[in-house]
Amino acid sequence: MMGYAQIAIGFINLVYQNDKAGILGKSIFAVFMGSLLIALTFILKADKYFSNKTSSVFWSAISTIVVGVSLI
């Protein structure tokens, strides 16, 4: 779910803030990190990794940082 949110925010940010300098890099960063997170969920042994509370907190923090960077 976080990966989809990052991709959506990256594309929405690109559309609505296209007149600002450097927005392409920030939007691509958000889309890339969201795609990476989604791709990691398709790995066969990822269920064990993502069910761990530490990894959940880690990816939540990464998602918050990515969204914050792309919106600022």
PDB file of N, CA and C in Angstrom:
ATOM      1  N   MET A   1       0.815  -1.177   0.000  1.00  0.00           N
ATOM      2  CA  MET A   1       0.000   0.000   0.000  1.00  0.00           C
ATOM      3  C   MET A   1       0.868   1.254   0.000  1.00  0.00           C
ATOM      4  N   MET A   2       1.947   1.220   0.760  1.00  0.00           N
ATOM      5  CA  MET A   2       2.834   2.381   0.809  1.00  0.00           C
ATOM      6  C   MET A   2       3.506   2.625  -0.535  1.00  0.00           C
ATOM      7  N   GLY A   3       3.835   1.554  -1.219  1.00  0.00           N
ATOM      8  CA  GLY A   3       4.463   1.692  -2.531  1.00  0.00           C
ATOM      9  C   GLY A   3       3.555   2.361  -3.538  1.00  0.00           C
ATOM     10  N   TYR A   4       2.299   1.954  -3.541  1.00  0.00           N
ATOM     11  CA  TYR A   4       1.320   2.569  -4.443  1.00  0.00           C
ATOM     12  C   TYR A   4       1.128   4.046  -4.110  1.00  0.00           C
ATOM     13  N   ALA A   5       1.108   4.364  -2.828  1.00  0.00           N
ATOM     14  CA  ALA A   5       0.956   5.763  -2.406  1.00  0.00           C
ATOM     15  C   ALA A   5       2.148   6.602  -2.864  1.00  0.00           C
ATOM     16  N   GLN A   6       3.350   6.054  -2.769  1.00  0.00           N
ATOM     17  CA  GLN A   6       4.538   6.788  -3.208  1.00  0.00           C
ATOM     18  C   GLN A   6       4.498   7.053  -4.708  1.00  0.00           C
ATOM     19  N   ILE A   7       4.101   6.051  -5.471  1.00  0.00           N
ATOM     20  CA  ILE A   7       4.015   6.224  -6.924  1.00  0.00           C
ATOM     21  C   ILE A   7       2.964   7.277  -7.266  1.00  0.00           C
ATOM     22  N   ALA A   8       1.817   7.197  -6.631  1.00  0.00           N
ATOM     23  CA  ALA A   8       0.747   8.167  -6.904  1.00  0.00           C
ATOM     24  C   ALA A   8       1.177   9.580  -6.529  1.00  0.00           C
ATOM     25  N   ILE A   9       1.792   9.743  -5.380  1.00  0.00           N
ATOM     26  CA  ILE A   9       2.234  11.074  -4.955  1.00  0.00           C
ATOM     27  C   ILE A   9       3.314  11.595  -5.890  1.00  0.00           C
ATOM     28  N   GLY A  10       4.194  10.726  -6.355  1.00  0.00           N
ATOM     29  CA  GLY A  10       5.224  11.154  -7.302  1.00  0.00           C
ATOM     30  C   GLY A  10       4.630  11.691  -8.594  1.00  0.00           C
ATOM     31  N   PHE A  11       3.651  10.977  -9.141  1.00  0.00           N
ATOM     32  CA  PHE A  11       3.030  11.431 -10.383  1.00  0.00           C
ATOM     33  C   PHE A  11       2.148  12.666 -10.176  1.00  0.00           C
ATOM     34  N   ILE A  12       1.406  12.700  -9.080  1.00  0.00           N
ATOM     35  CA  ILE A  12       0.584  13.870  -8.792  1.00  0.00           C
ATOM     36  C   ILE A  12       1.461  15.092  -8.576  1.00  0.00           C
ATOM     37  N   ASN A  13       2.553  14.906  -7.871  1.00  0.00           N
ATOM     38  CA  ASN A  13       3.490  15.997  -7.632  1.00  0.00           C
ATOM     39  C   ASN A  13       4.070  16.514  -8.948  1.00  0.00           C
ATOM     40  N   LEU A  14       4.374  15.624  -9.842  1.00  0.00           N
ATOM     41  CA  LEU A  14       4.926  16.013 -11.139  1.00  0.00           C
ATOM     42  C   LEU A  14       3.931  16.823 -11.948  1.00  0.00           C
ATOM     43  N   VAL A  15       2.669  16.450 -11.889  1.00  0.00           N
ATOM     44  CA  VAL A  15       1.647  17.141 -12.667  1.00  0.00           C
ATOM     45  C   VAL A  15       1.349  18.526 -12.093  1.00  0.00           C
ATOM     46  N   TYR A  16       1.189  18.612 -10.787  1.00  0.00           N
ATOM     47  CA  TYR A  16       0.736  19.860 -10.193  1.00  0.00           C
ATOM     48  C   TYR A  16       1.844  20.852  -9.871  1.00  0.00           C
ATOM     49  N   GLN A  17       3.085  20.400  -9.808  1.00  0.00           N
ATOM     50  CA  GLN A  17       4.187  21.311  -9.509  1.00  0.00           C
ATOM     51  C   GLN A  17       5.197  21.342 -10.646  1.00  0.00           C
ATOM     52  N   ASN A  18       4.743  21.192 -11.866  1.00  0.00           N
ATOM     53  CA  ASN A  18       5.669  21.088 -12.993  1.00  0.00           C
ATOM     54  C   ASN A  18       6.404  22.375 -13.303  1.00  0.00           C
ATOM     55  N   ASP A  19       5.993  23.508 -12.749  1.00  0.00           N
ATOM     56  CA  ASP A  19       6.687  24.763 -13.032  1.00  0.00           C
ATOM     57  C   ASP A  19       7.856  25.016 -12.083  1.00  0.00           C
ATOM     58  N   LYS A  20       8.026  24.221 -11.048  1.00  0.00           N
ATOM     59  CA  LYS A  20       9.112  24.407 -10.093  1.00  0.00           C
ATOM     60  C   LYS A  20      10.373  23.702 -10.588  1.00  0.00           C
ATOM     61  N   ALA A  21      11.505  24.286 -10.259  1.00  0.00           N
ATOM     62  CA  ALA A  21      12.793  23.706 -10.659  1.00  0.00           C
ATOM     63  C   ALA A  21      13.105  22.486  -9.796  1.00  0.00           C
ATOM     64  N   GLY A  22      13.617  21.438 -10.404  1.00  0.00           N
ATOM     65  CA  GLY A  22      14.041  20.235  -9.703  1.00  0.00           C
ATOM     66  C   GLY A  22      12.926  19.283  -9.335  1.00  0.00           C
ATOM     67  N   ILE A  23      11.726  19.552  -9.784  1.00  0.00           N
ATOM     68  CA  ILE A  23      10.596  18.705  -9.396  1.00  0.00           C
ATOM     69  C   ILE A  23      10.650  17.344 -10.094  1.00  0.00           C
ATOM     70  N   LEU A  24      11.242  17.280 -11.260  1.00  0.00           N
ATOM     71  CA  LEU A  24      11.331  16.008 -11.975  1.00  0.00           C
ATOM     72  C   LEU A  24      12.145  14.991 -11.172  1.00  0.00           C
ATOM     73  N   GLY A  25      13.273  15.412 -10.635  1.00  0.00           N
ATOM     74  CA  GLY A  25      14.106  14.509  -9.842  1.00  0.00           C
ATOM     75  C   GLY A  25      13.400  14.023  -8.593  1.00  0.00           C
ATOM     76  N   LYS A  26      12.687  14.920  -7.910  1.00  0.00           N
ATOM     77  CA  LYS A  26      11.966  14.534  -6.700  1.00  0.00           C
ATOM     78  C   LYS A  26      10.830  13.568  -7.022  1.00  0.00           C
ATOM     79  N   SER A  27      10.134  13.823  -8.107  1.00  0.00           N
ATOM     80  CA  SER A  27       9.024  12.947  -8.485  1.00  0.00           C
ATOM     81  C   SER A  27       9.522  11.582  -8.927  1.00  0.00           C
ATOM     82  N   ILE A  28      10.592  11.556  -9.695  1.00  0.00           N
ATOM     83  CA  ILE A  28      11.167  10.279 -10.133  1.00  0.00           C
ATOM     84  C   ILE A  28      11.675   9.490  -8.930  1.00  0.00           C
ATOM     85  N   PHE A  29      12.235  10.186  -7.943  1.00  0.00           N
ATOM     86  CA  PHE A  29      12.701   9.527  -6.716  1.00  0.00           C
ATOM     87  C   PHE A  29      11.537   8.831  -6.006  1.00  0.00           C
ATOM     88  N   ALA A  30      10.407   9.518  -5.893  1.00  0.00           N
ATOM     89  CA  ALA A  30       9.239   8.931  -5.235  1.00  0.00           C
ATOM     90  C   ALA A  30       8.705   7.744  -6.025  1.00  0.00           C
ATOM     91  N   VAL A  31       8.638   7.877  -7.333  1.00  0.00           N
ATOM     92  CA  VAL A  31       8.138   6.782  -8.178  1.00  0.00           C
ATOM     93  C   VAL A  31       9.086   5.584  -8.112  1.00  0.00           C
ATOM     94  N   PHE A  32      10.388   5.841  -8.121  1.00  0.00           N
ATOM     95  CA  PHE A  32      11.378   4.761  -8.056  1.00  0.00           C
ATOM     96  C   PHE A  32      11.295   4.013  -6.729  1.00  0.00           C
ATOM     97  N   MET A  33      11.227   4.746  -5.628  1.00  0.00           N
ATOM     98  CA  MET A  33      11.167   4.083  -4.328  1.00  0.00           C
ATOM     99  C   MET A  33       9.867   3.301  -4.156  1.00  0.00           C
ATOM    100  N   GLY A  34       8.767   3.845  -4.663  1.00  0.00           N
ATOM    101  CA  GLY A  34       7.507   3.103  -4.615  1.00  0.00           C
ATOM    102  C   GLY A  34       7.564   1.845  -5.455  1.00  0.00           C
ATOM    103  N   SER A  35       8.163   1.946  -6.629  1.00  0.00           N
ATOM    104  CA  SER A  35       8.311   0.769  -7.497  1.00  0.00           C
ATOM    105  C   SER A  35       9.218  -0.271  -6.857  1.00  0.00           C
ATOM    106  N   LEU A  36      10.261   0.180  -6.198  1.00  0.00           N
ATOM    107  CA  LEU A  36      11.167  -0.739  -5.504  1.00  0.00           C
ATOM    108  C   LEU A  36      10.438  -1.478  -4.393  1.00  0.00           C
ATOM    109  N   LEU A  37       9.646  -0.763  -3.638  1.00  0.00           N
ATOM    110  CA  LEU A  37       8.896  -1.393  -2.556  1.00  0.00           C
ATOM    111  C   LEU A  37       7.887  -2.410  -3.093  1.00  0.00           C
ATOM    112  N   ILE A  38       7.216  -2.071  -4.155  1.00  0.00           N
ATOM    113  CA  ILE A  38       6.268  -3.020  -4.760  1.00  0.00           C
ATOM    114  C   ILE A  38       7.006  -4.231  -5.321  1.00  0.00           C
ATOM    115  N   ALA A  39       8.141  -4.005  -5.963  1.00  0.00           N
ATOM    116  CA  ALA A  39       8.916  -5.120  -6.516  1.00  0.00           C
ATOM    117  C   ALA A  39       9.404  -6.053  -5.408  1.00  0.00           C
ATOM    118  N   LEU A  40       9.766  -5.498  -4.262  1.00  0.00           N
ATOM    119  CA  LEU A  40      10.227  -6.344  -3.158  1.00  0.00           C
ATOM    120  C   LEU A  40       9.119  -7.258  -2.633  1.00  0.00           C
ATOM    121  N   THR A  41       7.891  -6.838  -2.766  1.00  0.00           N
ATOM    122  CA  THR A  41       6.795  -7.677  -2.274  1.00  0.00           C
ATOM    123  C   THR A  41       6.552  -8.897  -3.150  1.00  0.00           C
ATOM    124  N   PHE A  42       7.055  -8.894  -4.375  1.00  0.00           N
ATOM    125  CA  PHE A  42       6.859 -10.025  -5.270  1.00  0.00           C
ATOM    126  C   PHE A  42       7.941 -11.090  -5.129  1.00  0.00           C
ATOM    127  N   ILE A  43       8.935 -10.843  -4.298  1.00  0.00           N
ATOM    128  CA  ILE A  43       9.957 -11.858  -4.037  1.00  0.00           C
ATOM    129  C   ILE A  43       9.328 -12.949  -3.171  1.00  0.00           C
ATOM    130  N   LEU A  44       9.619 -14.191  -3.483  1.00  0.00           N
ATOM    131  CA  LEU A  44       8.944 -15.314  -2.833  1.00  0.00           C
ATOM    132  C   LEU A  44       9.132 -15.347  -1.319  1.00  0.00           C
ATOM    133  N   LYS A  45      10.287 -15.023  -0.836  1.00  0.00           N
ATOM    134  CA  LYS A  45      10.539 -15.108   0.600  1.00  0.00           C
ATOM    135  C   LYS A  45      10.322 -13.777   1.312  1.00  0.00           C
ATOM    136  N   ALA A  46       9.645 -12.843   0.659  1.00  0.00           N
ATOM    137  CA  ALA A  46       9.455 -11.515   1.248  1.00  0.00           C
ATOM    138  C   ALA A  46       8.378 -11.499   2.328  1.00  0.00           C
ATOM    139  N   ASP A  47       7.499 -12.485   2.358  1.00  0.00           N
ATOM    140  CA  ASP A  47       6.452 -12.515   3.385  1.00  0.00           C
ATOM    141  C   ASP A  47       7.050 -12.508   4.787  1.00  0.00           C
ATOM    142  N   LYS A  48       8.065 -13.294   4.968  1.00  0.00           N
ATOM    143  CA  LYS A  48       8.723 -13.373   6.267  1.00  0.00           C
ATOM    144  C   LYS A  48       9.387 -12.035   6.618  1.00  0.00           C
ATOM    145  N   TYR A  49       9.972 -11.390   5.626  1.00  0.00           N
ATOM    146  CA  TYR A  49      10.646 -10.110   5.848  1.00  0.00           C
ATOM    147  C   TYR A  49       9.640  -9.006   6.177  1.00  0.00           C
ATOM    148  N   PHE A  50       8.557  -8.915   5.428  1.00  0.00           N
ATOM    149  CA  PHE A  50       7.603  -7.839   5.627  1.00  0.00           C
ATOM    150  C   PHE A  50       6.680  -8.057   6.820  1.00  0.00           C
ATOM    151  N   SER A  51       6.608  -9.274   7.332  1.00  0.00           N
ATOM    152  CA  SER A  51       5.801  -9.509   8.525  1.00  0.00           C
ATOM    153  C   SER A  51       6.552  -9.118   9.800  1.00  0.00           C
ATOM    154  N   ASN A  52       7.851  -8.891   9.669  1.00  0.00           N
ATOM    155  CA  ASN A  52       8.673  -8.461  10.785  1.00  0.00           C
ATOM    156  C   ASN A  52       8.341  -7.001  11.126  1.00  0.00           C
ATOM    157  N   LYS A  53       8.185  -6.694  12.402  1.00  0.00           N
ATOM    158  CA  LYS A  53       7.809  -5.342  12.820  1.00  0.00           C
ATOM    159  C   LYS A  53       8.918  -4.331  12.512  1.00  0.00           C
ATOM    160  N   THR A  54      10.153  -4.738  12.649  1.00  0.00           N
ATOM    161  CA  THR A  54      11.273  -3.833  12.376  1.00  0.00           C
ATOM    162  C   THR A  54      11.293  -3.396  10.923  1.00  0.00           C
ATOM    163  N   SER A  55      11.086  -4.311  10.010  1.00  0.00           N
ATOM    164  CA  SER A  55      11.078  -3.941   8.596  1.00  0.00           C
ATOM    165  C   SER A  55       9.870  -3.079   8.256  1.00  0.00           C
ATOM    166  N   SER A  56       8.757  -3.320   8.930  1.00  0.00           N
ATOM    167  CA  SER A  56       7.568  -2.495   8.711  1.00  0.00           C
ATOM    168  C   SER A  56       7.820  -1.056   9.153  1.00  0.00           C
ATOM    169  N   VAL A  57       8.446  -0.890  10.295  1.00  0.00           N
ATOM    170  CA  VAL A  57       8.787   0.454  10.783  1.00  0.00           C
ATOM    171  C   VAL A  57       9.804   1.100   9.856  1.00  0.00           C
ATOM    172  N   PHE A  58      10.784   0.331   9.388  1.00  0.00           N
ATOM    173  CA  PHE A  58      11.807   0.857   8.483  1.00  0.00           C
ATOM    174  C   PHE A  58      11.181   1.379   7.193  1.00  0.00           C
ATOM    175  N   TRP A  59      10.335   0.583   6.564  1.00  0.00           N
ATOM    176  CA  TRP A  59       9.721   1.003   5.309  1.00  0.00           C
ATOM    177  C   TRP A  59       8.711   2.123   5.502  1.00  0.00           C
ATOM    178  N   SER A  60       8.080   2.178   6.664  1.00  0.00           N
ATOM    179  CA  SER A  60       7.193   3.307   6.959  1.00  0.00           C
ATOM    180  C   SER A  60       7.987   4.600   7.074  1.00  0.00           C
ATOM    181  N   ALA A  61       9.141   4.525   7.717  1.00  0.00           N
ATOM    182  CA  ALA A  61      10.001   5.704   7.832  1.00  0.00           C
ATOM    183  C   ALA A  61      10.527   6.132   6.466  1.00  0.00           C
ATOM    184  N   ILE A  62      10.953   5.175   5.654  1.00  0.00           N
ATOM    185  CA  ILE A  62      11.433   5.490   4.306  1.00  0.00           C
ATOM    186  C   ILE A  62      10.318   6.128   3.490  1.00  0.00           C
ATOM    187  N   SER A  63       9.115   5.601   3.595  1.00  0.00           N
ATOM    188  CA  SER A  63       7.979   6.149   2.849  1.00  0.00           C
ATOM    189  C   SER A  63       7.679   7.572   3.290  1.00  0.00           C
ATOM    190  N   THR A  64       7.723   7.831   4.572  1.00  0.00           N
ATOM    191  CA  THR A  64       7.489   9.178   5.079  1.00  0.00           C
ATOM    192  C   THR A  64       8.548  10.148   4.575  1.00  0.00           C
ATOM    193  N   ILE A  65       9.781   9.727   4.565  1.00  0.00           N
ATOM    194  CA  ILE A  65      10.867  10.580   4.070  1.00  0.00           C
ATOM    195  C   ILE A  65      10.697  10.857   2.580  1.00  0.00           C
ATOM    196  N   VAL A  66      10.389   9.821   1.816  1.00  0.00           N
ATOM    197  CA  VAL A  66      10.219   9.976   0.365  1.00  0.00           C
ATOM    198  C   VAL A  66       9.081  10.929   0.051  1.00  0.00           C
ATOM    199  N   VAL A  67       7.949  10.767   0.723  1.00  0.00           N
ATOM    200  CA  VAL A  67       6.822  11.638   0.493  1.00  0.00           C
ATOM    201  C   VAL A  67       7.148  13.081   0.911  1.00  0.00           C
ATOM    202  N   GLY A  68       7.820  13.231   2.030  1.00  0.00           N
ATOM    203  CA  GLY A  68       8.221  14.554   2.484  1.00  0.00           C
ATOM    204  C   GLY A  68       9.167  15.243   1.520  1.00  0.00           C
ATOM    205  N   VAL A  69      10.144  14.511   1.031  1.00  0.00           N
ATOM    206  CA  VAL A  69      11.104  15.088   0.080  1.00  0.00           C
ATOM    207  C   VAL A  69      10.411  15.471  -1.224  1.00  0.00           C
ATOM    208  N   SER A  70       9.499  14.645  -1.677  1.00  0.00           N
ATOM    209  CA  SER A  70       8.861  14.944  -2.963  1.00  0.00           C
ATOM    210  C   SER A  70       7.900  16.110  -2.862  1.00  0.00           C
ATOM    211  N   LEU A  71       7.335  16.345  -1.706  1.00  0.00           N
ATOM    212  CA  LEU A  71       6.380  17.457  -1.575  1.00  0.00           C
ATOM    213  C   LEU A  71       7.028  18.791  -1.241  1.00  0.00           C
ATOM    214  N   ILE A  72       8.218  18.776  -0.717  1.00  0.00           N
ATOM    215  CA  ILE A  72       8.891  20.030  -0.345  1.00  0.00           C
ATOM    216  C   ILE A  72       9.594  20.634  -1.537  1.00  0.00           C
TER     217      ILE A  72
END
